[in-house]
Amino acid sequence: VTARMVFSTGRDAAWPSPVSKALAAIHPKFGSPW
């Protein structure tokens, strides 16, 4: 649950750009916000 919220904060650019971009990453095989 929490990982998806953290992913969303990255997608919404709530943090400095490098942090937000990393948090918004999706695993290419598992499709999870890894």
PDB file of all heavy atoms in Angstrom:
ATOM      1  N   VAL A   1       0.829  -1.204   0.000  1.00  0.00           N
ATOM      2  CA  VAL A   1       0.000   0.000   0.000  1.00  0.00           C
ATOM      3  C   VAL A   1       0.864   1.254   0.000  1.00  0.00           C
ATOM      4  O   VAL A   1       0.716   2.150  -0.847  1.00  0.00           O
ATOM      5  CB  VAL A   1      -0.942  -0.001   1.222  1.00  0.00           C
ATOM      6  CG1 VAL A   1      -1.568   1.372   1.424  1.00  0.00           C
ATOM      7  CG2 VAL A   1      -2.021  -1.060   1.071  1.00  0.00           C
ATOM      8  N   THR A   2       1.767   1.331   0.955  1.00  0.00           N
ATOM      9  CA  THR A   2       2.574   2.533   1.135  1.00  0.00           C
ATOM     10  C   THR A   2       3.483   2.783  -0.062  1.00  0.00           C
ATOM     11  O   THR A   2       3.693   3.939  -0.466  1.00  0.00           O
ATOM     12  CB  THR A   2       3.419   2.427   2.419  1.00  0.00           C
ATOM     13  OG1 THR A   2       2.561   2.076   3.507  1.00  0.00           O
ATOM     14  CG2 THR A   2       4.115   3.738   2.733  1.00  0.00           C
ATOM     15  N   ALA A   3       4.014   1.721  -0.651  1.00  0.00           N
ATOM     16  CA  ALA A   3       4.886   1.872  -1.811  1.00  0.00           C
ATOM     17  C   ALA A   3       4.156   2.541  -2.965  1.00  0.00           C
ATOM     18  O   ALA A   3       4.738   3.339  -3.711  1.00  0.00           O
ATOM     19  CB  ALA A   3       5.432   0.515  -2.244  1.00  0.00           C
ATOM     20  N   ARG A   4       2.878   2.243  -3.121  1.00  0.00           N
ATOM     21  CA  ARG A   4       2.121   2.870  -4.200  1.00  0.00           C
ATOM     22  C   ARG A   4       1.886   4.346  -3.931  1.00  0.00           C
ATOM     23  O   ARG A   4       1.887   5.156  -4.862  1.00  0.00           O
ATOM     24  CB  ARG A   4       0.806   2.116  -4.413  1.00  0.00           C
ATOM     25  CG  ARG A   4       1.039   0.910  -5.307  1.00  0.00           C
ATOM     26  CD  ARG A   4       0.335  -0.339  -4.922  1.00  0.00           C
ATOM     27  NE  ARG A   4       0.751  -1.420  -5.829  1.00  0.00           N
ATOM     28  CZ  ARG A   4       1.859  -2.167  -5.665  1.00  0.00           C
ATOM     29  NH1 ARG A   4       2.636  -1.968  -4.609  1.00  0.00           N
ATOM     30  NH2 ARG A   4       2.182  -3.112  -6.532  1.00  0.00           N
ATOM     31  N   MET A   5       1.692   4.713  -2.678  1.00  0.00           N
ATOM     32  CA  MET A   5       1.584   6.127  -2.364  1.00  0.00           C
ATOM     33  C   MET A   5       2.908   6.835  -2.616  1.00  0.00           C
ATOM     34  O   MET A   5       2.946   7.930  -3.189  1.00  0.00           O
ATOM     35  CB  MET A   5       1.166   6.324  -0.904  1.00  0.00           C
ATOM     36  CG  MET A   5       1.066   7.787  -0.515  1.00  0.00           C
ATOM     37  SD  MET A   5       0.803   7.999   1.247  1.00  0.00           S
ATOM     38  CE  MET A   5       2.275   7.250   1.902  1.00  0.00           C
ATOM     39  N   VAL A   6       4.021   6.214  -2.177  1.00  0.00           N
ATOM     40  CA  VAL A   6       5.335   6.811  -2.391  1.00  0.00           C
ATOM     41  C   VAL A   6       5.616   6.942  -3.885  1.00  0.00           C
ATOM     42  O   VAL A   6       6.149   7.958  -4.353  1.00  0.00           O
ATOM     43  CB  VAL A   6       6.427   5.966  -1.690  1.00  0.00           C
ATOM     44  CG1 VAL A   6       7.815   6.482  -2.041  1.00  0.00           C
ATOM     45  CG2 VAL A   6       6.219   5.995  -0.175  1.00  0.00           C
ATOM     46  N   PHE A   7       5.245   5.916  -4.658  1.00  0.00           N
ATOM     47  CA  PHE A   7       5.363   5.981  -6.120  1.00  0.00           C
ATOM     48  C   PHE A   7       4.597   7.182  -6.666  1.00  0.00           C
ATOM     49  O   PHE A   7       5.100   7.933  -7.520  1.00  0.00           O
ATOM     50  CB  PHE A   7       4.832   4.684  -6.728  1.00  0.00           C
ATOM     51  CG  PHE A   7       4.377   4.799  -8.152  1.00  0.00           C
ATOM     52  CD1 PHE A   7       5.297   4.779  -9.190  1.00  0.00           C
ATOM     53  CD2 PHE A   7       3.032   4.923  -8.455  1.00  0.00           C
ATOM     54  CE1 PHE A   7       4.871   4.895 -10.507  1.00  0.00           C
ATOM     55  CE2 PHE A   7       2.601   5.034  -9.771  1.00  0.00           C
ATOM     56  CZ  PHE A   7       3.521   5.021 -10.798  1.00  0.00           C
ATOM     57  N   SER A   8       3.386   7.375  -6.163  1.00  0.00           N
ATOM     58  CA  SER A   8       2.555   8.475  -6.644  1.00  0.00           C
ATOM     59  C   SER A   8       3.180   9.834  -6.322  1.00  0.00           C
ATOM     60  O   SER A   8       3.108  10.762  -7.130  1.00  0.00           O
ATOM     61  CB  SER A   8       1.155   8.385  -6.031  1.00  0.00           C
ATOM     62  OG  SER A   8       0.316   9.395  -6.530  1.00  0.00           O
ATOM     63  N   THR A   9       3.809   9.951  -5.155  1.00  0.00           N
ATOM     64  CA  THR A   9       4.461  11.229  -4.827  1.00  0.00           C
ATOM     65  C   THR A   9       5.599  11.528  -5.794  1.00  0.00           C
ATOM     66  O   THR A   9       5.837  12.680  -6.145  1.00  0.00           O
ATOM     67  CB  THR A   9       5.020  11.217  -3.386  1.00  0.00           C
ATOM     68  OG1 THR A   9       6.097  10.273  -3.277  1.00  0.00           O
ATOM     69  CG2 THR A   9       3.941  10.886  -2.371  1.00  0.00           C
ATOM     70  N   GLY A  10       6.292  10.473  -6.228  1.00  0.00           N
ATOM     71  CA  GLY A  10       7.337  10.681  -7.224  1.00  0.00           C
ATOM     72  C   GLY A  10       6.754  11.082  -8.564  1.00  0.00           C
ATOM     73  O   GLY A  10       7.244  11.996  -9.228  1.00  0.00           O
ATOM     74  N   ARG A  11       5.699  10.408  -8.978  1.00  0.00           N
ATOM     75  CA  ARG A  11       5.040  10.739 -10.255  1.00  0.00           C
ATOM     76  C   ARG A  11       4.491  12.158 -10.233  1.00  0.00           C
ATOM     77  O   ARG A  11       4.493  12.855 -11.253  1.00  0.00           O
ATOM     78  CB  ARG A  11       3.923   9.737 -10.520  1.00  0.00           C
ATOM     79  CG  ARG A  11       3.249   9.915 -11.869  1.00  0.00           C
ATOM     80  CD  ARG A  11       2.215   8.823 -12.095  1.00  0.00           C
ATOM     81  NE  ARG A  11       1.160   8.845 -11.085  1.00  0.00           N
ATOM     82  CZ  ARG A  11       0.211   7.922 -10.973  1.00  0.00           C
ATOM     83  NH1 ARG A  11       0.225   6.878 -11.795  1.00  0.00           N
ATOM     84  NH2 ARG A  11      -0.708   8.000 -10.058  1.00  0.00           N
ATOM     85  N   ASP A  12       4.029  12.605  -9.068  1.00  0.00           N
ATOM     86  CA  ASP A  12       3.501  13.964  -8.925  1.00  0.00           C
ATOM     87  C   ASP A  12       4.585  15.005  -8.659  1.00  0.00           C
ATOM     88  O   ASP A  12       4.266  16.171  -8.408  1.00  0.00           O
ATOM     89  CB  ASP A  12       2.476  14.011  -7.778  1.00  0.00           C
ATOM     90  CG  ASP A  12       1.192  13.272  -8.122  1.00  0.00           C
ATOM     91  OD1 ASP A  12       0.964  12.991  -9.317  1.00  0.00           O
ATOM     92  OD2 ASP A  12       0.421  12.961  -7.193  1.00  0.00           O
ATOM     93  N   ALA A  13       5.863  14.558  -8.672  1.00  0.00           N
ATOM     94  CA  ALA A  13       7.006  15.470  -8.490  1.00  0.00           C
ATOM     95  C   ALA A  13       6.911  16.242  -7.179  1.00  0.00           C
ATOM     96  O   ALA A  13       7.108  17.455  -7.135  1.00  0.00           O
ATOM     97  CB  ALA A  13       7.124  16.427  -9.672  1.00  0.00           C
ATOM     98  N   ALA A  14       6.628  15.520  -6.090  1.00  0.00           N
ATOM     99  CA  ALA A  14       6.552  16.170  -4.781  1.00  0.00           C
ATOM    100  C   ALA A  14       7.925  16.459  -4.206  1.00  0.00           C
ATOM    101  O   ALA A  14       8.050  17.256  -3.273  1.00  0.00           O
ATOM    102  CB  ALA A  14       5.764  15.290  -3.812  1.00  0.00           C
ATOM    103  N   TRP A  15       8.961  15.823  -4.747  1.00  0.00           N
ATOM    104  CA  TRP A  15      10.308  15.934  -4.196  1.00  0.00           C
ATOM    105  C   TRP A  15      11.251  16.512  -5.254  1.00  0.00           C
ATOM    106  O   TRP A  15      10.841  16.714  -6.406  1.00  0.00           O
ATOM    107  CB  TRP A  15      10.794  14.556  -3.734  1.00  0.00           C
ATOM    108  CG  TRP A  15       9.732  13.762  -3.048  1.00  0.00           C
ATOM    109  CD1 TRP A  15       9.169  12.599  -3.465  1.00  0.00           C
ATOM    110  CD2 TRP A  15       9.064  14.099  -1.818  1.00  0.00           C
ATOM    111  NE1 TRP A  15       8.204  12.164  -2.584  1.00  0.00           N
ATOM    112  CE2 TRP A  15       8.112  13.078  -1.557  1.00  0.00           C
ATOM    113  CE3 TRP A  15       9.170  15.154  -0.918  1.00  0.00           C
ATOM    114  CZ2 TRP A  15       7.287  13.087  -0.434  1.00  0.00           C
ATOM    115  CZ3 TRP A  15       8.349  15.164   0.195  1.00  0.00           C
ATOM    116  CH2 TRP A  15       7.427  14.142   0.428  1.00  0.00           C
ATOM    117  N   PRO A  16      12.502  16.762  -4.904  1.00  0.00           N
ATOM    118  CA  PRO A  16      13.473  17.192  -5.923  1.00  0.00           C
ATOM    119  C   PRO A  16      13.489  16.214  -7.099  1.00  0.00           C
ATOM    120  O   PRO A  16      13.267  15.014  -6.929  1.00  0.00           O
ATOM    121  CB  PRO A  16      14.803  17.191  -5.168  1.00  0.00           C
ATOM    122  CG  PRO A  16      14.412  17.474  -3.748  1.00  0.00           C
ATOM    123  CD  PRO A  16      13.103  16.765  -3.553  1.00  0.00           C
ATOM    124  N   SER A  17      13.760  16.717  -8.284  1.00  0.00           N
ATOM    125  CA  SER A  17      13.604  15.953  -9.523  1.00  0.00           C
ATOM    126  C   SER A  17      14.264  14.565  -9.513  1.00  0.00           C
ATOM    127  O   SER A  17      13.617  13.574  -9.881  1.00  0.00           O
ATOM    128  CB  SER A  17      14.132  16.761 -10.709  1.00  0.00           C
ATOM    129  OG  SER A  17      13.953  16.045 -11.902  1.00  0.00           O
ATOM    130  N   PRO A  18      15.532  14.421  -9.092  1.00  0.00           N
ATOM    131  CA  PRO A  18      16.139  13.081  -9.122  1.00  0.00           C
ATOM    132  C   PRO A  18      15.420  12.092  -8.212  1.00  0.00           C
ATOM    133  O   PRO A  18      15.268  10.911  -8.560  1.00  0.00           O
ATOM    134  CB  PRO A  18      17.580  13.338  -8.643  1.00  0.00           C
ATOM    135  CG  PRO A  18      17.824  14.784  -8.884  1.00  0.00           C
ATOM    136  CD  PRO A  18      16.507  15.445  -8.669  1.00  0.00           C
ATOM    137  N   VAL A  19      14.982  12.571  -7.038  1.00  0.00           N
ATOM    138  CA  VAL A  19      14.269  11.699  -6.094  1.00  0.00           C
ATOM    139  C   VAL A  19      12.916  11.297  -6.671  1.00  0.00           C
ATOM    140  O   VAL A  19      12.533  10.116  -6.656  1.00  0.00           O
ATOM    141  CB  VAL A  19      14.092  12.389  -4.732  1.00  0.00           C
ATOM    142  CG1 VAL A  19      13.271  11.513  -3.792  1.00  0.00           C
ATOM    143  CG2 VAL A  19      15.441  12.719  -4.120  1.00  0.00           C
ATOM    144  N   SER A  20      12.185  12.271  -7.201  1.00  0.00           N
ATOM    145  CA  SER A  20      10.862  11.995  -7.764  1.00  0.00           C
ATOM    146  C   SER A  20      10.951  11.011  -8.923  1.00  0.00           C
ATOM    147  O   SER A  20      10.152  10.078  -9.031  1.00  0.00           O
ATOM    148  CB  SER A  20      10.209  13.297  -8.232  1.00  0.00           C
ATOM    149  OG  SER A  20       9.875  14.121  -7.139  1.00  0.00           O
ATOM    150  N   LYS A  21      11.940  11.202  -9.806  1.00  0.00           N
ATOM    151  CA  LYS A  21      12.090  10.313 -10.956  1.00  0.00           C
ATOM    152  C   LYS A  21      12.376   8.882 -10.510  1.00  0.00           C
ATOM    153  O   LYS A  21      11.833   7.925 -11.068  1.00  0.00           O
ATOM    154  CB  LYS A  21      13.210  10.826 -11.850  1.00  0.00           C
ATOM    155  CG  LYS A  21      13.358  10.029 -13.146  1.00  0.00           C
ATOM    156  CD  LYS A  21      14.419  10.637 -14.047  1.00  0.00           C
ATOM    157  CE  LYS A  21      14.554   9.840 -15.345  1.00  0.00           C
ATOM    158  NZ  LYS A  21      15.601  10.416 -16.238  1.00  0.00           N
ATOM    159  N   ALA A  22      13.222   8.730  -9.497  1.00  0.00           N
ATOM    160  CA  ALA A  22      13.548   7.391  -9.002  1.00  0.00           C
ATOM    161  C   ALA A  22      12.323   6.722  -8.386  1.00  0.00           C
ATOM    162  O   ALA A  22      12.029   5.544  -8.662  1.00  0.00           O
ATOM    163  CB  ALA A  22      14.682   7.471  -7.983  1.00  0.00           C
ATOM    164  N   LEU A  23      11.592   7.454  -7.570  1.00  0.00           N
ATOM    165  CA  LEU A  23      10.426   6.879  -6.896  1.00  0.00           C
ATOM    166  C   LEU A  23       9.322   6.499  -7.872  1.00  0.00           C
ATOM    167  O   LEU A  23       8.508   5.614  -7.587  1.00  0.00           O
ATOM    168  CB  LEU A  23       9.885   7.854  -5.852  1.00  0.00           C
ATOM    169  CG  LEU A  23      10.799   8.149  -4.657  1.00  0.00           C
ATOM    170  CD1 LEU A  23      10.162   9.188  -3.741  1.00  0.00           C
ATOM    171  CD2 LEU A  23      11.111   6.867  -3.873  1.00  0.00           C
ATOM    172  N   ALA A  24       9.278   7.148  -9.016  1.00  0.00           N
ATOM    173  CA  ALA A  24       8.239   6.865 -10.013  1.00  0.00           C
ATOM    174  C   ALA A  24       8.603   5.729 -10.957  1.00  0.00           C
ATOM    175  O   ALA A  24       7.835   5.401 -11.856  1.00  0.00           O
ATOM    176  CB  ALA A  24       7.945   8.129 -10.825  1.00  0.00           C
ATOM    177  N   ALA A  25       9.757   5.111 -10.745  1.00  0.00           N
ATOM    178  CA  ALA A  25      10.199   4.031 -11.627  1.00  0.00           C
ATOM    179  C   ALA A  25       9.354   2.778 -11.441  1.00  0.00           C
ATOM    180  O   ALA A  25       8.984   2.425 -10.324  1.00  0.00           O
ATOM    181  CB  ALA A  25      11.673   3.714 -11.369  1.00  0.00           C
ATOM    182  N   ILE A  26       9.065   2.095 -12.544  1.00  0.00           N
ATOM    183  CA  ILE A  26       8.309   0.839 -12.528  1.00  0.00           C
ATOM    184  C   ILE A  26       9.212  -0.278 -13.039  1.00  0.00           C
ATOM    185  O   ILE A  26       9.886  -0.124 -14.057  1.00  0.00           O
ATOM    186  CB  ILE A  26       7.040   0.953 -13.394  1.00  0.00           C
ATOM    187  CG1 ILE A  26       6.083   1.974 -12.785  1.00  0.00           C
ATOM    188  CG2 ILE A  26       6.355  -0.409 -13.534  1.00  0.00           C
ATOM    189  CD1 ILE A  26       4.844   2.214 -13.611  1.00  0.00           C
ATOM    190  N   HIS A  27       9.232  -1.397 -12.329  1.00  0.00           N
ATOM    191  CA  HIS A  27      10.087  -2.515 -12.704  1.00  0.00           C
ATOM    192  C   HIS A  27       9.661  -3.055 -14.076  1.00  0.00           C
ATOM    193  O   HIS A  27       8.471  -3.331 -14.295  1.00  0.00           O
ATOM    194  CB  HIS A  27      10.002  -3.626 -11.653  1.00  0.00           C
ATOM    195  CG  HIS A  27      11.101  -4.631 -11.745  1.00  0.00           C
ATOM    196  ND1 HIS A  27      11.121  -5.614 -12.709  1.00  0.00           N
ATOM    197  CD2 HIS A  27      12.235  -4.801 -11.008  1.00  0.00           C
ATOM    198  CE1 HIS A  27      12.202  -6.357 -12.565  1.00  0.00           C
ATOM    199  NE2 HIS A  27      12.906  -5.885 -11.535  1.00  0.00           N
ATOM    200  N   PRO A  28      10.594  -3.223 -15.009  1.00  0.00           N
ATOM    201  CA  PRO A  28      10.227  -3.640 -16.368  1.00  0.00           C
ATOM    202  C   PRO A  28       9.641  -5.042 -16.457  1.00  0.00           C
ATOM    203  O   PRO A  28       8.901  -5.347 -17.382  1.00  0.00           O
ATOM    204  CB  PRO A  28      11.560  -3.551 -17.125  1.00  0.00           C
ATOM    205  CG  PRO A  28      12.620  -3.659 -16.074  1.00  0.00           C
ATOM    206  CD  PRO A  28      12.044  -3.003 -14.863  1.00  0.00           C
ATOM    207  N   LYS A  29       9.953  -5.922 -15.491  1.00  0.00           N
ATOM    208  CA  LYS A  29       9.436  -7.294 -15.520  1.00  0.00           C
ATOM    209  C   LYS A  29       8.225  -7.480 -14.621  1.00  0.00           C
ATOM    210  O   LYS A  29       7.214  -8.065 -15.031  1.00  0.00           O
ATOM    211  CB  LYS A  29      10.539  -8.272 -15.097  1.00  0.00           C
ATOM    212  CG  LYS A  29      10.089  -9.728 -15.108  1.00  0.00           C
ATOM    213  CD  LYS A  29      11.223 -10.673 -14.734  1.00  0.00           C
ATOM    214  CE  LYS A  29      10.777 -12.121 -14.760  1.00  0.00           C
ATOM    215  NZ  LYS A  29      11.874 -13.056 -14.382  1.00  0.00           N
ATOM    216  N   PHE A  30       8.289  -6.988 -13.382  1.00  0.00           N
ATOM    217  CA  PHE A  30       7.224  -7.230 -12.414  1.00  0.00           C
ATOM    218  C   PHE A  30       6.126  -6.179 -12.456  1.00  0.00           C
ATOM    219  O   PHE A  30       5.050  -6.380 -11.880  1.00  0.00           O
ATOM    220  CB  PHE A  30       7.805  -7.305 -11.000  1.00  0.00           C
ATOM    221  CG  PHE A  30       8.876  -8.356 -10.848  1.00  0.00           C
ATOM    222  CD1 PHE A  30      10.118  -8.028 -10.323  1.00  0.00           C
ATOM    223  CD2 PHE A  30       8.650  -9.658 -11.234  1.00  0.00           C
ATOM    224  CE1 PHE A  30      11.115  -8.984 -10.187  1.00  0.00           C
ATOM    225  CE2 PHE A  30       9.634 -10.635 -11.106  1.00  0.00           C
ATOM    226  CZ  PHE A  30      10.875 -10.293 -10.579  1.00  0.00           C
ATOM    227  N   GLY A  31       6.388  -5.041 -13.088  1.00  0.00           N
ATOM    228  CA  GLY A  31       5.375  -3.993 -13.165  1.00  0.00           C
ATOM    229  C   GLY A  31       5.084  -3.332 -11.843  1.00  0.00           C
ATOM    230  O   GLY A  31       4.035  -2.710 -11.666  1.00  0.00           O
ATOM    231  N   SER A  32       5.999  -3.445 -10.881  1.00  0.00           N
ATOM    232  CA  SER A  32       5.801  -2.864  -9.547  1.00  0.00           C
ATOM    233  C   SER A  32       6.609  -1.580  -9.395  1.00  0.00           C
ATOM    234  O   SER A  32       7.623  -1.391 -10.082  1.00  0.00           O
ATOM    235  CB  SER A  32       6.241  -3.871  -8.472  1.00  0.00           C
ATOM    236  OG  SER A  32       7.643  -4.120  -8.584  1.00  0.00           O
ATOM    237  N   PRO A  33       6.194  -0.703  -8.487  1.00  0.00           N
ATOM    238  CA  PRO A  33       6.988   0.500  -8.186  1.00  0.00           C
ATOM    239  C   PRO A  33       8.169   0.118  -7.305  1.00  0.00           C
ATOM    240  O   PRO A  33       8.181   0.355  -6.097  1.00  0.00           O
ATOM    241  CB  PRO A  33       5.981   1.401  -7.473  1.00  0.00           C
ATOM    242  CG  PRO A  33       5.033   0.465  -6.815  1.00  0.00           C
ATOM    243  CD  PRO A  33       4.944  -0.740  -7.719  1.00  0.00           C
ATOM    244  N   TRP A  34       9.198  -0.455  -7.889  1.00  0.00           N
ATOM    245  CA  TRP A  34      10.209  -1.191  -7.132  1.00  0.00           C
ATOM    246  C   TRP A  34      11.097  -0.296  -6.287  1.00  0.00           C
ATOM    247  O   TRP A  34      11.417  -0.647  -5.141  1.00  0.00           O
ATOM    248  CB  TRP A  34      11.025  -2.077  -8.059  1.00  0.00           C
ATOM    249  CG  TRP A  34      11.926  -1.366  -9.027  1.00  0.00           C
ATOM    250  CD1 TRP A  34      11.551  -0.704 -10.155  1.00  0.00           C
ATOM    251  CD2 TRP A  34      13.347  -1.262  -8.948  1.00  0.00           C
ATOM    252  NE1 TRP A  34      12.643  -0.190 -10.792  1.00  0.00           N
ATOM    253  CE2 TRP A  34      13.765  -0.512 -10.082  1.00  0.00           C
ATOM    254  CE3 TRP A  34      14.302  -1.731  -8.067  1.00  0.00           C
ATOM    255  CZ2 TRP A  34      15.098  -0.219 -10.326  1.00  0.00           C
ATOM    256  CZ3 TRP A  34      15.640  -1.439  -8.305  1.00  0.00           C
ATOM    257  CH2 TRP A  34      16.021  -0.691  -9.421  1.00  0.00           C
TER     258      TRP A  34
END
